[in-house]
């Protein structure tokens, strides 16, 4: 079983969305709580980027999908400190660096493992207490220290609008995220060169594309509801 949709339905949805994406934007299929068969269906539609929120769930799926060696795995959920080592061993991208403390610990362990993952800083453009993420004030003050973390490839910014945001508010948040990326790049850091903007999910990805997203993270739009 592939979940609530057939492989053919999944592939048709992916093909339709991929046809609308401008060249800089890559599709990350969010497969948390979905069976491995869903990943195989998306793979057949030429998707290679997959997003998971739980480290252990991703490890199990990777073992089941060992016959697909060219997958790129993106960690998009909050990373607990006791999962850092396994995350670095099993993910190519970490989108959810939500504190300076986490970034420093990741950098230390990455050095021990001789790993150098691509990373995004998770930033809250507006106050949103339920969510993890650096506030803008925390981001600006952390930049000099983040620039020293040579075992991490910090190449982008990720943000998620507050749940109750209107479309107009979401568009403004995405535009602000692009502006923050430009401001950071204009500061001339030698390590921090942000080329990626990880914004846009199933409910708002057209707004994200319009704002310059380079990575959209889609789940229910492609696969239907997650299994209970």
Protein backbone atom coordinates (compact mmCIF):
# COMPACT_ATOMS: atom_id res chain seq x y z
CA UNK A 1 0.00 0.00 0.00
CA UNK A 2 1.20 3.54 -0.76
CA UNK A 3 -1.15 5.38 1.55
CA UNK A 4 -4.33 7.12 0.49
CA UNK A 5 -3.37 7.44 -3.19
CA UNK A 6 -2.23 4.97 -5.81
CA UNK A 7 1.29 5.19 -7.27
CA UNK A 8 -0.21 6.45 -10.53
CA UNK A 9 -2.09 9.23 -8.73
CA UNK A 10 1.04 10.25 -6.83
CA UNK A 11 3.10 10.34 -9.99
CA UNK A 12 0.45 12.40 -11.80
CA UNK A 13 0.38 14.97 -8.99
CA UNK A 14 4.15 15.22 -8.92
CA UNK A 15 4.39 15.61 -12.68
CA UNK A 16 1.77 18.37 -12.64
CA UNK A 17 3.56 20.34 -9.93
CA UNK A 18 7.03 19.84 -11.37
CA UNK A 19 5.79 21.36 -14.63
CA UNK A 20 4.98 24.59 -12.76
CA UNK A 21 8.33 24.99 -10.99
CA UNK A 22 10.84 27.55 -12.27
CA UNK A 23 14.39 26.22 -12.74
CA UNK A 24 15.83 27.31 -9.37
CA UNK A 25 13.12 25.56 -7.36
CA UNK A 26 13.51 21.93 -6.33
CA UNK A 27 10.72 19.76 -5.01
CA UNK A 28 11.28 18.05 -1.68
CA UNK A 29 8.70 15.35 -1.05
CA UNK A 30 7.77 15.27 2.62
CA UNK A 31 7.22 11.61 3.46
CA UNK A 32 6.97 11.61 7.25
CA UNK A 33 4.55 8.92 8.44
CA UNK A 34 4.23 7.67 4.87
CA UNK A 35 5.32 4.12 3.95
CA UNK A 36 8.38 3.45 1.84
CA UNK A 37 6.12 2.56 -1.08
CA UNK A 38 5.21 6.25 -1.33
CA UNK A 39 8.88 7.13 -1.75
CA UNK A 40 9.21 4.50 -4.48
CA UNK A 41 6.19 5.99 -6.28
CA UNK A 42 7.73 9.47 -6.12
CA UNK A 43 11.09 8.09 -7.22
CA UNK A 44 9.42 6.72 -10.33
CA UNK A 45 8.35 10.31 -11.08
CA UNK A 46 12.02 11.40 -10.97
CA UNK A 47 12.00 12.83 -7.46
CA UNK A 48 15.25 12.35 -5.55
CA UNK A 49 14.79 14.74 -2.60
CA UNK A 50 12.86 13.49 0.43
CA UNK A 51 12.08 15.25 3.69
CA UNK A 52 11.61 13.54 7.05
CA UNK A 53 10.96 14.98 10.51
CA UNK A 54 12.02 12.06 12.69
CA UNK A 55 15.55 10.67 12.57
CA UNK A 56 14.61 7.12 13.57
CA UNK A 57 11.77 6.94 11.04
CA UNK A 58 14.11 8.06 8.27
CA UNK A 59 16.77 5.51 9.22
CA UNK A 60 14.22 2.70 8.99
CA UNK A 61 13.07 3.85 5.56
CA UNK A 62 16.63 4.19 4.32
CA UNK A 63 17.24 0.56 5.23
CA UNK A 64 14.11 -0.47 3.32
CA UNK A 65 15.18 1.60 0.30
CA UNK A 66 18.79 0.52 0.09
CA UNK A 67 18.23 -0.38 -3.58
CA UNK A 68 17.74 3.36 -4.33
CA UNK A 69 21.20 4.76 -3.60
CA UNK A 70 20.76 8.17 -5.23
CA UNK A 71 18.23 9.61 -2.78
CA UNK A 72 18.95 12.89 -1.01
CA UNK A 73 17.58 13.05 2.52
CA UNK A 74 16.49 16.31 4.14
CA UNK A 75 15.83 16.64 7.88
CA UNK A 76 13.02 19.18 8.18
CA UNK A 77 11.91 18.63 11.79
CA UNK A 78 13.31 19.78 15.11
CA UNK A 79 16.58 18.01 15.91
CA UNK A 80 17.05 16.84 19.49
CA UNK A 81 20.59 16.96 20.81
CA UNK A 82 20.67 13.21 21.46
CA UNK A 83 19.94 12.55 17.77
CA UNK A 84 22.65 14.80 16.34
CA UNK A 85 25.17 12.07 15.58
CA UNK A 86 22.63 9.84 13.82
CA UNK A 87 21.21 12.80 11.92
CA UNK A 88 24.64 13.65 10.57
CA UNK A 89 25.20 10.05 9.53
CA UNK A 90 21.88 9.71 7.71
CA UNK A 91 20.93 13.11 6.27
CA UNK A 92 22.50 15.16 3.48
CA UNK A 93 20.59 18.32 4.43
CA UNK A 94 19.45 19.76 7.77
CA UNK A 95 16.86 22.50 7.29
CA UNK A 96 16.10 23.02 10.96
CA UNK A 97 19.08 24.61 12.68
CA UNK A 98 16.94 26.56 15.12
CA UNK A 99 19.51 27.80 17.65
CA UNK A 100 23.16 28.78 17.87
CA UNK A 101 23.68 26.07 20.49
CA UNK A 102 22.44 23.39 18.09
CA UNK A 103 24.60 24.75 15.27
CA UNK A 104 27.73 24.63 17.46
CA UNK A 105 27.03 21.07 18.58
CA UNK A 106 26.33 19.95 15.00
CA UNK A 107 29.60 21.51 13.89
CA UNK A 108 31.58 19.70 16.58
CA UNK A 109 30.08 16.29 15.83
CA UNK A 110 30.32 16.84 12.07
CA UNK A 111 34.03 17.39 12.52
CA UNK A 112 34.34 14.17 14.50
CA UNK A 113 32.51 12.26 11.76
CA UNK A 114 34.24 14.00 8.85
CA UNK A 115 30.81 15.01 7.59
CA UNK A 116 29.87 18.38 6.09
CA UNK A 117 26.10 18.59 5.65
CA UNK A 118 24.23 21.32 3.84
CA UNK A 119 22.27 23.35 6.36
CA UNK A 120 19.55 25.96 6.59
CA UNK A 121 18.95 28.28 9.51
CA UNK A 122 15.39 28.06 10.78
CA UNK A 123 14.26 31.62 11.47
CA UNK A 124 11.01 33.10 12.74
CA UNK A 125 10.28 36.21 10.72
CA UNK A 126 7.51 37.18 13.16
CA UNK A 127 6.90 36.09 16.76
CA UNK A 128 5.53 32.54 16.86
CA UNK A 129 5.98 30.98 20.32
CA UNK A 130 4.85 27.43 19.41
CA UNK A 131 7.56 27.06 16.77
CA UNK A 132 11.27 26.43 17.04
CA UNK A 133 13.57 28.90 15.35
CA UNK A 134 15.92 31.80 15.76
CA UNK A 135 14.28 35.17 16.20
CA UNK A 136 15.62 37.85 13.90
CA UNK A 137 17.48 39.45 16.81
CA UNK A 138 19.05 36.09 17.67
CA UNK A 139 19.98 35.54 14.04
CA UNK A 140 21.76 38.86 13.62
CA UNK A 141 23.73 38.43 16.85
CA UNK A 142 24.65 34.82 16.02
CA UNK A 143 25.96 35.43 12.50
CA UNK A 144 29.64 36.05 13.45
CA UNK A 145 29.73 32.77 15.42
CA UNK A 146 27.85 30.87 12.74
CA UNK A 147 30.45 32.07 10.27
CA UNK A 148 33.10 30.19 12.28
CA UNK A 149 31.43 26.77 11.94
CA UNK A 150 33.57 25.37 9.18
CA UNK A 151 32.24 21.79 9.28
CA UNK A 152 28.74 22.94 8.29
CA UNK A 153 27.77 24.23 4.88
CA UNK A 154 25.26 26.85 5.97
CA UNK A 155 23.77 27.71 2.61
CA UNK A 156 20.20 28.79 3.27
CA UNK A 157 17.35 29.95 5.40
CA UNK A 158 14.13 28.15 6.28
CA UNK A 159 10.97 29.68 7.68
CA UNK A 160 7.39 28.56 8.37
CA UNK A 161 4.65 31.19 8.73
CA UNK A 162 2.45 31.09 11.84
CA UNK A 163 -0.44 28.69 11.40
CA UNK A 164 -3.22 31.30 11.36
CA UNK A 165 -1.50 33.65 8.88
CA UNK A 166 -3.52 35.10 6.02
CA UNK A 167 -2.27 34.76 2.46
CA UNK A 168 -1.22 38.40 2.53
CA UNK A 169 0.73 37.85 5.74
CA UNK A 170 2.37 34.72 4.33
CA UNK A 171 3.46 36.58 1.19
CA UNK A 172 4.97 39.32 3.36
CA UNK A 173 6.84 36.76 5.51
CA UNK A 174 8.27 35.04 2.44
CA UNK A 175 9.35 38.37 0.96
CA UNK A 176 11.01 39.26 4.25
CA UNK A 177 12.86 35.94 4.27
CA UNK A 178 14.30 36.68 0.84
CA UNK A 179 15.32 40.13 2.07
CA UNK A 180 17.07 38.63 5.11
CA UNK A 181 19.03 36.27 2.84
CA UNK A 182 20.15 39.25 0.76
CA UNK A 183 21.15 41.23 3.85
CA UNK A 184 23.25 38.34 5.17
CA UNK A 185 24.99 37.88 1.82
CA UNK A 186 25.75 41.59 1.68
CA UNK A 187 27.64 41.43 4.99
CA UNK A 188 30.61 39.76 3.31
CA UNK A 189 31.08 36.75 5.58
CA UNK A 190 33.68 34.30 4.30
CA UNK A 191 31.72 31.15 5.26
CA UNK A 192 28.07 32.21 5.10
CA UNK A 193 26.94 32.34 1.47
CA UNK A 194 23.21 31.78 1.35
CA UNK A 195 21.90 30.57 -1.99
CA UNK A 196 18.91 28.56 -0.73
CA UNK A 197 15.50 29.63 0.54
CA UNK A 198 13.53 26.71 1.98
CA UNK A 199 10.00 28.09 2.06
CA UNK A 200 6.64 26.82 0.89
CA UNK A 201 4.49 23.88 1.92
CA UNK A 202 1.30 22.35 0.58
CA UNK A 203 -0.90 25.26 1.68
CA UNK A 204 1.26 28.12 0.44
CA UNK A 205 3.87 26.94 -2.06
CA UNK A 206 2.70 29.17 -4.97
CA UNK A 207 3.37 32.21 -2.77
CA UNK A 208 6.78 30.81 -1.90
CA UNK A 209 7.69 30.29 -5.55
CA UNK A 210 6.69 33.88 -6.30
CA UNK A 211 8.97 35.03 -3.46
CA UNK A 212 11.99 33.15 -4.83
CA UNK A 213 11.90 29.82 -3.01
CA UNK A 214 14.59 27.38 -4.11
CA UNK A 215 13.12 24.44 -2.15
CA UNK A 216 9.44 23.72 -1.55
CA UNK A 217 8.46 20.99 0.92
CA UNK A 218 5.26 19.22 -0.12
CA UNK A 219 3.50 16.30 1.52
CA UNK A 220 -0.30 16.14 1.54
CA UNK A 221 -0.57 17.90 -1.83
CA UNK A 222 1.30 14.98 -3.38
CA UNK A 223 0.30 12.04 -1.24
CA UNK A 224 -3.03 12.87 0.36
CA UNK A 225 -3.60 12.60 4.09
CA UNK A 226 -0.96 10.92 6.20
CA UNK A 227 -1.78 7.53 7.64
CA UNK A 228 -3.12 7.72 11.19
